[in-house]
Amino acid sequence: MKVRRRVSSRVSSHAICKGGLLACKARSTECLVKTNYGLIQGKRYVTKNGIVADCFLGVPYAKPPVGELRFKKPQRMEPWEGVKKCRQFGNRSVQEDMFWDKVTISTPQSEDCLYLNIFAPPIDPTKSYPVLFYIHGGGFMMDSAVKYKPENTIRQIVSQEVIVVTIQYRLGYLGFFCTGDSVAKGNYGLWDQLEALKWTKENIHHFGGDPNRITVSGQSAGAVSADLLSISPLSRDMFHRKIVMGGSSFCYWSTTSKEKCAEYCRQKAVKLGWKPRPEGYNSKEEESVDMMDFMRAVPAKRLGMHMIGNDVFFNEARLPLAPVIDGEIFPKAISELRAEAPSMDSIAGVGRQESLLFMALGAVRGTGKDMDKLLHELSRKTKLNIAELEEVVARVYGDLKNLRRDRKSMQNAFVSCLSDTFANFGCYRYLEHSQKHDKPTYAYCFDYTSRAMWGWFPIMIPYMTGTHCSDIIYLFDCNYFSSPFSMTKKDRKISKWTSTSFMQFVKTGNPNIPGLPFNWEPVSKSDEIRMLNINEKPAMAGKVFDNRIKQIDSCFEEILLRRSHDQLS
């Protein structure tokens, strides 16, 4: 029997509803739901604006991945007796907090972090609500679901009759440790996401949700995860819509090789004190077993990671730990899986200048030295040498000699170049790929910002515009950088347009709805790619990313063609 009940010592009423018995008691703030694993007790919230929703925080979706379960796939929960209280956020994954998180977040970190949160409208026996399943970002190293607070989530999304599910998953070494062989295949954080999605698929009807109308969404690494789940044979048939913000599986940093990941992990083990046996091992697997026995004994707090200041990301233009081709979630190359996967309705987009955020956080300064580092890493990832890359930069962003003479010009060029490298290339390739499919894709460029969003960070950047995280900030009213975030009247307008169109997409597969000041066209299957510029005067626009991606493609082709001619002459 499916039960959702409010509990109180005062006046009661009962009604039979779709999904089971609904027993409400008028003056309570508690509610009960019977899941497939047992009863959970949540809380009925009433926002300042009078919006009512039932929230279940810290719902366990798998056994705690501790002890022998460290570096293992998540294990299904066992049914429990009695009532499990789910009225506050569950533990965050182990990580090294940003300095503002240390001040603003009280939820503790723990290896025991496999919890999800459900924000749902009160059950209506005549309705079955669509579901937004959201995966947070953070480079697979940091962040959590606790930033998406009940008051804001209810006002922004649940008020539009959409159920929201946010999840915690293992991050950093605990989530992506890999030995490059069968001993530790990595991807544990992705397995967590898959388990949370399965739990949602199997249980969301108890909360009034429709298991056949799940939209998987995410931002940054969460967007990569959503996209990867849409092509994995283990998950691609579990949902039919996706929203990818500031990332996709086309981004160069979305996956890494098993070899690079394993070497990085081995270096960490050695740094923590693991010493290979002097007499050696009979096989690579035997060495891996010895290393993993050591790693399981390391205190979890020593396995946290941070992104800002991480040399691998900013000096080698990749994530140190990321999803790998493991033969299970990804039995083939990503490109092959993408070709096989069914197409689905999607929204995809980026901030106007994604890399401004990294400059604001002090990760880069946009100096000539930063540009040199970026070009050095790009030369390793492309077929072009440094001189040829400098030629591309000159034709697309400006002559390097002239840029070096003016700090602001160099900063502007660097921001555009890093934004293209980090996010725009991946987004553009995603949109190109979507042109081959029958399902519509709606593209956007988040081109709005305000001083309120940035807090004190503007002192670190040459100008303000939409950047990495801007879209999610205005979708959820969840600010990462300014606490408290007090939206202006203009902010509220942009936020309303964003949440309304995105939730209309979750409901119908089409973000357009009467009353919005724009007509959001899907990506054309034959003509040039156009995006919705989300700003104070939203409108469709061509010349995506100011045509820089097209220019770069043209330069690459011209240089490679010239090189082949030189070799033949």
Protein backbone atom coordinates (compact mmCIF):
# COMPACT_ATOMS: atom_id res chain seq x y z
CA MET A 1 0.00 0.00 0.00
CA LYS A 2 1.25 3.48 -0.87
CA VAL A 3 0.70 5.88 1.99
CA ARG A 4 1.36 9.58 2.34
CA ARG A 5 0.01 10.92 5.63
CA ARG A 6 0.24 14.00 7.76
CA VAL A 7 0.40 13.43 11.50
CA SER A 8 -1.00 15.62 14.30
CA SER A 9 -2.80 15.48 17.63
CA ARG A 10 -5.61 17.55 16.18
CA VAL A 11 -8.47 17.44 13.67
CA SER A 12 -8.13 14.62 11.10
CA SER A 13 -9.69 13.84 7.77
CA HIS A 14 -9.18 10.88 5.45
CA ALA A 15 -9.43 10.48 1.70
CA ILE A 16 -8.70 7.69 -0.74
CA CYS A 17 -6.34 8.90 -3.45
CA LYS A 18 -4.47 7.47 -6.39
CA GLY A 19 -1.55 5.51 -4.97
CA GLY A 20 -3.21 4.52 -1.69
CA LEU A 21 -4.60 6.00 1.50
CA LEU A 22 -3.98 9.67 2.16
CA ALA A 23 -4.70 10.66 5.75
CA CYS A 24 -4.33 14.36 6.49
CA LYS A 25 -4.46 16.13 9.80
CA ALA A 26 -5.01 19.77 9.45
CA ARG A 27 -2.58 21.48 11.82
CA SER A 28 0.49 19.29 11.37
CA THR A 29 3.91 19.87 9.81
CA GLU A 30 4.71 16.17 9.56
CA CYS A 31 3.96 13.72 6.75
CA LEU A 32 4.52 10.01 6.25
CA VAL A 33 5.17 8.08 3.05
CA LYS A 34 5.48 4.34 2.70
CA THR A 35 8.29 3.60 0.24
CA ASN A 36 9.33 0.19 -1.04
CA TYR A 37 11.79 0.03 1.86
CA GLY A 38 9.70 1.36 4.73
CA LEU A 39 8.02 4.41 6.19
CA ILE A 40 9.73 7.79 6.07
CA GLN A 41 8.68 10.93 7.88
CA GLY A 42 9.11 14.26 6.15
CA LYS A 43 7.92 17.76 6.78
CA ARG A 44 5.20 19.87 5.25
CA TYR A 45 6.57 23.30 4.37
CA VAL A 46 4.59 26.46 3.84
CA THR A 47 6.71 29.14 2.18
CA LYS A 48 6.54 32.84 2.97
CA ASN A 49 4.30 33.18 -0.08
CA GLY A 50 1.92 30.49 1.17
CA ILE A 51 3.05 27.71 -1.21
CA VAL A 52 2.60 24.27 0.35
CA ALA A 53 4.92 21.32 -0.32
CA ASP A 54 6.05 18.12 1.33
CA CYS A 55 9.81 17.76 1.77
CA PHE A 56 11.74 14.62 2.59
CA LEU A 57 15.38 15.38 3.30
CA GLY A 58 18.19 12.88 3.74
CA VAL A 59 16.35 9.85 2.35
CA PRO A 60 18.83 6.93 2.12
CA TYR A 61 18.89 5.31 -1.32
CA ALA A 62 21.73 2.83 -0.69
CA LYS A 63 23.68 1.32 2.17
CA PRO A 64 26.40 3.56 3.62
CA PRO A 65 29.52 2.94 1.47
CA VAL A 66 31.84 2.50 4.45
CA GLY A 67 34.23 -0.19 5.63
CA GLU A 68 34.39 -3.01 3.12
CA LEU A 69 31.93 -1.11 0.91
CA ARG A 70 34.41 1.71 0.32
CA PHE A 71 35.45 1.72 -3.36
CA LYS A 72 32.56 -0.60 -4.19
CA LYS A 73 29.36 -0.08 -6.14
CA PRO A 74 26.46 1.14 -3.99
CA GLN A 75 24.50 -1.65 -2.32
CA ARG A 76 20.71 -1.59 -2.19
CA MET A 77 19.03 -0.62 1.05
CA GLU A 78 17.50 -3.31 3.24
CA PRO A 79 13.86 -2.71 4.28
CA TRP A 80 13.54 -1.19 7.74
CA GLU A 81 11.03 -1.42 10.56
CA GLY A 82 9.37 1.60 12.08
CA VAL A 83 9.60 5.15 10.77
CA LYS A 84 12.79 6.75 9.43
CA LYS A 85 12.91 10.50 10.04
CA CYS A 86 13.85 12.44 6.92
CA ARG A 87 13.54 16.03 8.05
CA GLN A 88 17.06 17.37 7.54
CA PHE A 89 19.71 17.05 4.85
CA GLY A 90 21.89 13.96 4.92
CA ASN A 91 25.67 14.16 5.12
CA ARG A 92 27.60 15.79 2.30
CA SER A 93 30.28 13.83 0.49
CA VAL A 94 33.84 14.24 1.77
CA GLN A 95 35.56 17.22 0.12
CA GLU A 96 37.72 20.23 0.85
CA ASP A 97 35.25 23.09 1.29
CA MET A 98 35.56 26.44 -0.40
CA PHE A 99 36.10 29.12 2.22
CA TRP A 100 32.53 30.47 2.01
CA ASP A 101 31.08 26.95 2.42
CA LYS A 102 32.90 26.66 5.73
CA VAL A 103 30.90 29.65 6.91
CA THR A 104 27.51 29.09 5.28
CA ILE A 105 27.02 25.29 5.39
CA SER A 106 26.48 23.44 8.67
CA THR A 107 25.63 20.01 7.22
CA PRO A 108 28.56 17.72 8.06
CA GLN A 109 30.67 15.73 5.63
CA SER A 110 30.88 11.96 5.82
CA GLU A 111 31.69 8.91 3.76
CA ASP A 112 28.12 7.91 4.63
CA CYS A 113 26.59 10.31 2.11
CA LEU A 114 24.22 8.38 -0.17
CA TYR A 115 21.06 10.38 0.44
CA LEU A 116 18.53 12.13 -1.74
CA ASN A 117 15.95 14.85 -1.13
CA ILE A 118 12.40 15.03 -2.44
CA PHE A 119 10.37 18.24 -2.75
CA ALA A 120 6.80 17.50 -3.83
CA PRO A 121 3.44 19.25 -4.13
CA PRO A 122 0.75 17.80 -1.85
CA ILE A 123 -0.65 14.62 -3.38
CA ASP A 124 -3.64 15.19 -5.65
CA PRO A 125 -5.52 11.99 -6.56
CA THR A 126 -6.30 13.46 -9.98
CA LYS A 127 -2.67 14.24 -10.88
CA SER A 128 0.65 12.52 -11.44
CA TYR A 129 3.49 15.03 -11.32
CA PRO A 130 6.54 15.16 -13.62
CA VAL A 131 9.92 14.80 -11.93
CA LEU A 132 13.10 16.87 -12.16
CA PHE A 133 16.03 14.67 -11.07
CA TYR A 134 18.94 17.04 -10.45
CA ILE A 135 22.67 16.19 -10.17
CA HIS A 136 24.91 18.87 -8.66
CA GLY A 137 28.22 19.85 -10.24
CA GLY A 138 31.64 20.55 -8.80
CA GLY A 139 34.14 18.81 -11.06
CA PHE A 140 33.38 15.42 -9.45
CA MET A 141 35.37 16.78 -6.48
CA MET A 142 33.19 19.20 -4.54
CA ASP A 143 29.73 20.67 -3.82
CA SER A 144 26.52 19.08 -2.59
CA ALA A 145 22.74 19.03 -2.76
CA VAL A 146 22.30 20.99 0.48
CA LYS A 147 22.60 24.33 -1.35
CA TYR A 148 19.21 23.73 -2.95
CA LYS A 149 17.14 24.70 0.04
CA PRO A 150 13.44 23.89 0.57
CA GLU A 151 12.09 27.47 0.59
CA ASN A 152 13.70 28.42 -2.72
CA THR A 153 13.19 25.07 -4.44
CA ILE A 154 9.51 25.08 -3.55
CA ARG A 155 8.99 28.66 -4.72
CA GLN A 156 10.95 28.26 -7.96
CA ILE A 157 9.95 24.78 -9.10
CA VAL A 158 7.54 22.81 -6.91
CA SER A 159 5.01 25.65 -7.18
CA GLN A 160 4.80 24.76 -10.88
CA GLU A 161 3.62 21.24 -10.00
CA VAL A 162 6.96 19.54 -10.58
CA ILE A 163 8.59 17.17 -8.08
CA VAL A 164 12.29 17.84 -7.50
CA VAL A 165 14.78 15.15 -6.49
CA THR A 166 18.32 16.26 -5.56
CA ILE A 167 21.04 13.75 -4.75
CA GLN A 168 24.35 13.32 -2.97
CA TYR A 169 26.97 11.04 -4.49
CA ARG A 170 30.56 10.15 -3.70
CA LEU A 171 33.14 12.66 -4.89
CA GLY A 172 36.88 12.81 -5.39
CA TYR A 173 38.92 9.76 -4.46
CA LEU A 174 36.00 8.07 -2.73
CA GLY A 175 33.90 8.43 -5.86
CA PHE A 176 36.37 7.94 -8.70
CA PHE A 177 39.46 6.09 -7.40
CA CYS A 178 40.71 3.81 -10.16
CA THR A 179 43.56 1.29 -10.43
CA GLY A 180 43.22 0.80 -14.17
CA ASP A 181 42.42 -2.90 -13.77
CA SER A 182 39.62 -5.05 -12.36
CA VAL A 183 40.49 -4.34 -8.71
CA ALA A 184 39.07 -0.79 -8.63
CA LYS A 185 37.34 0.22 -11.85
CA GLY A 186 36.32 3.68 -10.66
CA ASN A 187 33.06 5.47 -11.53
CA TYR A 188 31.62 4.83 -8.04
CA GLY A 189 30.07 8.29 -8.03
CA LEU A 190 28.30 7.48 -11.30
CA TRP A 191 27.09 4.17 -9.88
CA ASP A 192 25.67 6.20 -6.97
CA GLN A 193 23.81 8.45 -9.41
CA LEU A 194 22.46 5.40 -11.22
CA GLU A 195 21.29 3.85 -7.93
CA ALA A 196 19.58 7.11 -6.94
CA LEU A 197 17.85 7.22 -10.33
CA LYS A 198 16.68 3.61 -9.90
CA TRP A 199 15.35 4.44 -6.43
CA THR A 200 13.49 7.41 -7.84
CA LYS A 201 12.08 5.41 -10.74
CA GLU A 202 10.79 2.73 -8.35
CA ASN A 203 9.50 4.95 -5.54
CA ILE A 204 8.48 8.35 -6.87
CA HIS A 205 4.87 7.26 -7.41
CA HIS A 206 4.53 7.06 -3.61
CA PHE A 207 5.07 10.83 -3.60
CA GLY A 208 2.60 11.55 -6.39
CA GLY A 209 5.23 11.48 -9.14
CA ASP A 210 5.07 9.94 -12.60
CA PRO A 211 7.96 7.45 -13.05
CA ASN A 212 7.54 7.73 -16.80
CA ARG A 213 8.09 11.50 -16.84
CA ILE A 214 11.54 11.91 -15.33
CA THR A 215 13.85 14.63 -16.63
CA VAL A 216 17.48 14.15 -15.60
CA SER A 217 19.33 17.43 -15.28
CA GLY A 218 22.60 18.77 -13.99
CA GLN A 219 25.06 21.62 -14.10
CA SER A 220 28.78 21.41 -14.95
CA ALA A 221 29.96 17.92 -13.86
CA GLY A 222 26.30 17.23 -13.07
CA ALA A 223 25.46 18.05 -16.70
CA VAL A 224 28.20 15.69 -17.85
CA SER A 225 26.68 13.03 -15.59
CA ALA A 226 23.18 13.61 -16.94
CA ASP A 227 24.46 13.33 -20.51
CA LEU A 228 26.49 10.19 -19.74
CA LEU A 229 23.48 8.56 -18.06
CA SER A 230 21.49 9.27 -21.22
CA ILE A 231 23.87 7.13 -23.30
CA SER A 232 24.79 4.34 -20.88
CA PRO A 233 22.91 1.10 -21.66
CA LEU A 234 22.20 0.75 -17.93
CA SER A 235 20.28 4.02 -17.60
CA ARG A 236 19.37 5.48 -20.99
CA ASP A 237 15.88 3.93 -21.01
CA MET A 238 15.02 5.13 -17.50
CA PHE A 239 14.23 8.71 -18.55
CA HIS A 240 13.22 10.57 -21.69
CA ARG A 241 14.30 14.19 -21.25
CA LYS A 242 17.46 15.91 -20.08
CA ILE A 243 18.74 19.38 -19.26
CA VAL A 244 22.49 19.95 -19.46
CA MET A 245 23.83 23.26 -18.17
CA GLY A 246 27.47 24.28 -18.56
CA GLY A 247 28.71 20.85 -19.58
CA SER A 248 28.10 17.67 -21.58
CA SER A 249 29.87 14.46 -22.56
CA PHE A 250 31.37 16.40 -25.49
CA CYS A 251 33.51 18.51 -23.13
CA TYR A 252 37.16 17.46 -23.16
CA TRP A 253 37.17 17.12 -19.34
CA SER A 254 34.03 14.97 -19.14
CA THR A 255 36.00 11.72 -19.05
CA THR A 256 39.61 10.70 -18.60
CA SER A 257 41.69 7.68 -19.50
CA LYS A 258 41.97 4.79 -17.06
CA GLU A 259 45.74 5.08 -17.25
CA LYS A 260 45.87 8.77 -16.26
CA CYS A 261 43.27 8.31 -13.54
CA ALA A 262 45.07 5.25 -12.14
CA GLU A 263 48.43 7.02 -12.09
CA TYR A 264 46.96 10.03 -10.27
CA CYS A 265 45.35 7.71 -7.71
CA ARG A 266 48.57 5.76 -7.23
CA GLN A 267 50.42 9.01 -6.54
CA LYS A 268 47.82 9.86 -3.89
CA ALA A 269 48.23 6.46 -2.22
CA VAL A 270 52.00 6.91 -2.08
CA LYS A 271 51.58 10.43 -0.70
CA LEU A 272 49.32 9.04 2.03
CA GLY A 273 51.95 6.51 3.05
CA TRP A 274 51.43 3.40 0.94
CA LYS A 275 54.71 1.68 0.06
CA PRO A 276 54.88 -1.01 -2.61
CA ARG A 277 56.46 -4.22 -1.37
CA PRO A 278 60.24 -4.24 -1.87
CA GLU A 279 60.06 -7.81 -3.19
CA GLY A 280 57.53 -6.80 -5.81
CA TYR A 281 54.29 -8.47 -6.91
CA ASN A 282 53.34 -11.40 -9.09
CA SER A 283 50.90 -9.27 -11.08
CA LYS A 284 49.56 -5.76 -11.52
CA GLU A 285 46.31 -6.86 -9.86
CA GLU A 286 48.17 -8.12 -6.79
CA GLU A 287 49.80 -4.71 -6.39
CA SER A 288 46.39 -3.04 -6.81
CA VAL A 289 44.87 -5.26 -4.11
CA ASP A 290 47.68 -4.29 -1.72
CA MET A 291 47.17 -0.59 -2.48
CA MET A 292 43.40 -0.79 -2.06
CA ASP A 293 43.75 -2.59 1.29
CA PHE A 294 45.82 0.39 2.40
CA MET A 295 43.36 2.93 0.96
CA ARG A 296 40.39 1.37 2.76
CA ALA A 297 42.13 2.03 6.07
CA VAL A 298 42.81 5.72 5.35
CA PRO A 299 40.49 8.07 7.31
CA ALA A 300 37.84 9.42 4.95
CA LYS A 301 38.63 13.04 5.81
CA ARG A 302 42.06 12.61 4.18
CA LEU A 303 40.43 11.74 0.86
CA GLY A 304 38.72 15.06 0.17
CA MET A 305 39.65 17.13 -2.87
CA HIS A 306 39.34 20.72 -3.99
CA MET A 307 39.09 22.10 -7.48
CA ILE A 308 40.34 25.66 -7.22
CA GLY A 309 44.11 25.55 -6.98
CA ASN A 310 44.21 22.05 -8.45
CA ASP A 311 47.15 22.13 -10.83
CA VAL A 312 45.94 19.21 -12.93
CA PHE A 313 42.77 21.00 -14.00
CA PHE A 314 44.28 24.38 -14.80
CA ASN A 315 47.73 23.27 -15.95
CA GLU A 316 46.80 20.11 -17.85
CA ALA A 317 43.30 21.16 -18.96
CA ARG A 318 41.64 18.05 -17.57
CA LEU A 319 40.09 16.81 -14.35
CA PRO A 320 42.37 14.66 -12.20
CA LEU A 321 39.54 12.23 -11.48
CA ALA A 322 36.60 11.75 -13.80
CA PRO A 323 34.48 9.00 -15.36
CA VAL A 324 36.41 6.33 -17.27
CA ILE A 325 35.48 3.62 -19.76
CA ASP A 326 35.00 0.80 -17.27
CA GLY A 327 33.41 -1.92 -19.40
CA GLU A 328 30.18 -1.78 -17.37
CA ILE A 329 28.44 1.59 -17.21
CA PHE A 330 30.35 2.36 -20.39
CA PRO A 331 31.01 -0.91 -22.23
CA LYS A 332 32.25 0.96 -25.30
CA ALA A 333 33.77 4.28 -26.26
CA ILE A 334 31.53 7.25 -25.49
CA SER A 335 31.24 8.09 -29.20
CA GLU A 336 29.95 4.58 -29.96
CA LEU A 337 27.45 4.65 -27.10
CA ARG A 338 26.25 8.07 -28.21
CA ALA A 339 25.60 6.74 -31.71
CA GLU A 340 23.55 3.85 -30.29
CA ALA A 341 21.53 5.76 -27.69
CA PRO A 342 17.97 6.84 -28.46
CA SER A 343 17.55 10.57 -28.90
CA MET A 344 15.58 12.50 -26.31
CA ASP A 345 14.16 15.97 -25.81
CA SER A 346 16.81 18.22 -24.31
CA ILE A 347 17.80 21.70 -23.24
CA ALA A 348 21.49 22.57 -23.49
CA GLY A 349 23.37 25.78 -22.87
CA VAL A 350 26.15 27.76 -21.25
CA GLY A 351 26.85 31.13 -19.66
CA ARG A 352 28.00 33.92 -21.95
CA GLN A 353 31.58 33.69 -20.63
CA GLU A 354 31.91 30.47 -18.65
CA SER A 355 35.50 31.02 -17.56
CA LEU A 356 34.86 34.37 -15.84
CA LEU A 357 33.99 32.37 -12.73
CA PHE A 358 37.45 30.80 -12.59
CA MET A 359 39.03 34.23 -12.81
CA ALA A 360 36.73 35.50 -10.06
CA LEU A 361 37.80 32.62 -7.82
CA GLY A 362 41.46 33.39 -8.39
CA ALA A 363 42.20 30.17 -10.26
CA VAL A 364 43.54 32.14 -13.23
CA ARG A 365 44.32 35.80 -13.81
CA GLY A 366 44.10 36.02 -17.57
CA THR A 367 47.74 37.00 -17.93
CA GLY A 368 50.05 36.25 -20.83
CA LYS A 369 51.52 33.45 -18.72
CA ASP A 370 48.04 31.93 -18.30
CA MET A 371 47.52 32.10 -22.06
CA ASP A 372 50.88 30.40 -22.64
CA LYS A 373 49.90 27.57 -20.27
CA LEU A 374 46.57 27.13 -22.02
CA LEU A 375 48.17 27.00 -25.47
CA HIS A 376 50.76 24.51 -24.23
CA GLU A 377 48.03 22.16 -23.06
CA LEU A 378 45.97 22.68 -26.20
CA SER A 379 48.99 21.70 -28.28
CA ARG A 380 49.03 18.38 -26.42
CA LYS A 381 45.34 17.81 -27.15
CA THR A 382 45.33 18.89 -30.79
CA LYS A 383 47.44 18.23 -33.84
CA LEU A 384 48.74 21.80 -33.83
CA ASN A 385 52.06 23.06 -32.49
CA ILE A 386 52.45 26.25 -30.45
CA ALA A 387 53.20 28.45 -33.48
CA GLU A 388 50.11 27.17 -35.26
CA LEU A 389 47.96 27.70 -32.18
CA GLU A 390 49.25 31.25 -31.89
CA GLU A 391 48.12 31.74 -35.47
CA VAL A 392 44.62 30.56 -34.50
CA VAL A 393 44.59 32.90 -31.50
CA ALA A 394 45.66 35.83 -33.69
CA ARG A 395 42.85 35.22 -36.17
CA VAL A 396 40.11 34.58 -33.60
CA TYR A 397 41.02 36.48 -30.41
CA GLY A 398 43.74 38.96 -31.39
CA ASP A 399 47.46 39.12 -32.08
CA LEU A 400 49.34 37.86 -29.04
CA LYS A 401 52.07 40.49 -29.30
CA ASN A 402 49.49 43.26 -29.17
CA LEU A 403 47.50 41.51 -26.44
CA ARG A 404 50.56 41.26 -24.21
CA ARG A 405 50.92 45.05 -24.30
CA ASP A 406 47.52 45.64 -22.72
CA ARG A 407 46.42 43.74 -19.60
CA LYS A 408 42.69 44.20 -20.13
CA SER A 409 42.84 43.13 -23.77
CA MET A 410 44.76 40.00 -22.77
CA GLN A 411 42.22 39.24 -20.03
CA ASN A 412 39.32 39.60 -22.45
CA ALA A 413 40.98 37.36 -25.04
CA PHE A 414 41.92 34.78 -22.41
CA VAL A 415 38.39 34.66 -20.97
CA SER A 416 36.95 34.00 -24.44
CA CYS A 417 39.62 31.42 -25.29
CA LEU A 418 39.23 29.51 -22.01
CA SER A 419 35.42 29.71 -22.22
CA ASP A 420 35.55 28.22 -25.70
CA THR A 421 37.96 25.51 -24.59
CA PHE A 422 36.16 24.67 -21.34
CA ALA A 423 32.51 24.76 -22.37
CA ASN A 424 31.61 26.27 -25.73
CA PHE A 425 33.28 23.64 -27.90
CA GLY A 426 31.45 20.91 -26.00
CA CYS A 427 28.14 22.73 -26.20
CA TYR A 428 28.53 23.42 -29.91
CA ARG A 429 29.40 19.77 -30.65
CA TYR A 430 26.39 18.68 -28.57
CA LEU A 431 24.13 20.94 -30.62
CA GLU A 432 25.66 19.75 -33.89
CA HIS A 433 25.01 16.17 -32.82
CA SER A 434 21.41 17.02 -31.92
CA GLN A 435 20.81 18.16 -35.51
CA LYS A 436 21.05 14.51 -36.56
CA HIS A 437 18.19 13.37 -34.30
CA ASP A 438 14.43 13.60 -34.49
CA LYS A 439 13.88 14.82 -30.92
CA PRO A 440 14.09 18.60 -30.37
CA THR A 441 16.94 20.32 -28.55
CA TYR A 442 16.54 23.84 -27.20
CA ALA A 443 19.80 25.80 -26.92
CA TYR A 444 20.44 28.82 -24.71
CA CYS A 445 23.17 31.25 -23.80
CA PHE A 446 22.70 32.74 -20.33
CA ASP A 447 23.60 36.33 -21.02
CA TYR A 448 22.42 37.99 -17.81
CA THR A 449 24.03 38.85 -14.52
CA SER A 450 23.74 41.41 -11.77
CA ARG A 451 26.03 42.83 -9.14
CA ALA A 452 24.01 41.02 -6.47
CA MET A 453 24.97 37.61 -7.85
CA TRP A 454 28.71 38.16 -7.63
CA GLY A 455 29.11 39.28 -4.03
CA TRP A 456 32.61 40.75 -3.69
CA PHE A 457 34.06 38.79 -6.64
CA PRO A 458 33.85 41.62 -9.26
CA ILE A 459 37.15 42.94 -7.94
CA MET A 460 38.78 39.90 -9.57
CA ILE A 461 37.29 40.16 -13.07
CA PRO A 462 37.49 42.66 -15.97
CA TYR A 463 33.71 42.78 -16.49
CA MET A 464 30.49 41.01 -15.48
CA THR A 465 28.24 38.83 -17.61
CA GLY A 466 26.64 35.41 -17.47
CA THR A 467 29.19 32.78 -16.46
CA HIS A 468 29.58 29.25 -15.15
CA CYS A 469 26.75 28.62 -12.63
CA SER A 470 24.70 31.71 -13.62
CA ASP A 471 21.97 29.54 -15.12
CA ILE A 472 21.55 27.33 -12.07
CA ILE A 473 21.63 30.33 -9.74
CA TYR A 474 18.64 31.90 -11.47
CA LEU A 475 16.83 28.58 -12.00
CA PHE A 476 16.94 27.54 -8.32
CA ASP A 477 17.50 30.97 -6.70
CA CYS A 478 20.60 29.39 -5.22
CA ASN A 479 23.64 31.63 -5.02
CA TYR A 480 27.06 30.11 -4.64
CA PHE A 481 28.98 33.34 -4.16
CA SER A 482 26.82 35.84 -2.30
CA SER A 483 25.09 34.88 0.92
CA PRO A 484 22.41 35.92 1.42
CA PHE A 485 21.56 36.47 -2.24
CA SER A 486 18.98 39.25 -2.43
CA MET A 487 17.53 39.32 -5.93
CA THR A 488 16.69 42.63 -7.50
CA LYS A 489 13.44 43.20 -9.39
CA LYS A 490 15.28 42.50 -12.66
CA ASP A 491 16.81 39.36 -11.17
CA ARG A 492 13.36 38.09 -10.21
CA LYS A 493 12.09 38.69 -13.73
CA ILE A 494 14.93 36.72 -15.33
CA SER A 495 14.60 33.99 -12.72
CA LYS A 496 10.86 33.71 -13.35
CA TRP A 497 11.33 33.40 -17.11
CA THR A 498 14.06 30.78 -16.65
CA SER A 499 12.23 28.58 -14.16
CA THR A 500 8.91 28.85 -16.03
CA SER A 501 10.34 27.85 -19.41
CA PHE A 502 12.54 25.08 -18.00
CA MET A 503 9.67 23.57 -16.00
CA GLN A 504 7.34 23.77 -19.00
CA PHE A 505 9.96 21.68 -20.79
CA VAL A 506 9.99 19.18 -17.91
CA LYS A 507 6.21 18.88 -18.21
CA THR A 508 5.79 18.79 -21.98
CA GLY A 509 9.14 18.62 -23.76
CA ASN A 510 8.59 22.15 -25.06
CA PRO A 511 9.74 25.21 -23.03
CA ASN A 512 7.30 27.62 -24.65
CA ILE A 513 4.24 28.78 -22.77
CA PRO A 514 1.90 31.77 -23.23
CA GLY A 515 2.99 34.79 -21.23
CA LEU A 516 6.73 34.46 -21.78
CA PRO A 517 8.31 37.28 -23.82
CA PHE A 518 10.04 34.95 -26.30
CA ASN A 519 9.50 32.03 -28.64
CA TRP A 520 12.21 29.47 -27.98
CA GLU A 521 12.91 27.69 -31.25
CA PRO A 522 14.48 24.21 -31.27
CA VAL A 523 17.82 23.70 -32.99
CA SER A 524 17.22 23.43 -36.72
CA LYS A 525 18.02 20.13 -38.38
CA SER A 526 19.35 21.84 -41.49
CA ASP A 527 20.03 25.55 -40.97
CA GLU A 528 22.56 27.30 -38.74
CA ILE A 529 22.43 26.71 -35.00
CA ARG A 530 20.54 29.39 -33.08
CA MET A 531 20.31 29.89 -29.33
CA LEU A 532 18.00 31.77 -27.02
CA ASN A 533 19.92 34.61 -25.40
CA ILE A 534 18.54 34.79 -21.86
CA ASN A 535 18.79 38.40 -20.73
CA GLU A 536 16.51 41.38 -20.14
CA LYS A 537 15.39 41.22 -23.78
CA PRO A 538 15.48 37.48 -24.54
CA ALA A 539 15.59 36.59 -28.23
CA MET A 540 16.82 33.92 -30.61
CA ALA A 541 20.23 34.64 -32.11
CA GLY A 542 22.58 33.13 -34.65
CA LYS A 543 26.35 33.54 -34.81
CA VAL A 544 26.64 31.24 -31.80
CA PHE A 545 29.61 32.21 -29.58
CA ASP A 546 30.23 35.07 -32.01
CA ASN A 547 31.09 32.47 -34.65
CA ARG A 548 34.37 31.73 -32.86
CA ILE A 549 33.89 27.95 -32.99
CA LYS A 550 33.33 28.10 -36.74
CA GLN A 551 36.39 30.33 -37.14
CA ILE A 552 38.53 27.96 -35.10
CA ASP A 553 37.31 24.93 -37.07
CA SER A 554 38.12 26.76 -40.29
CA CYS A 555 41.61 27.70 -39.03
CA PHE A 556 42.34 24.13 -37.95
CA GLU A 557 41.26 22.75 -41.32
CA GLU A 558 43.29 25.35 -43.21
CA ILE A 559 46.43 24.74 -41.15
CA LEU A 560 46.19 20.95 -41.40
CA LEU A 561 45.56 21.19 -45.15
CA ARG A 562 48.53 23.52 -45.54
CA ARG A 563 50.69 21.15 -43.53
CA SER A 564 49.71 18.20 -45.72
CA HIS A 565 50.55 20.21 -48.86
CA ASP A 566 53.96 21.12 -47.38
CA GLN A 567 54.65 17.45 -46.69
CA LEU A 568 53.80 16.51 -50.28
CA SER A 569 55.90 19.27 -51.86
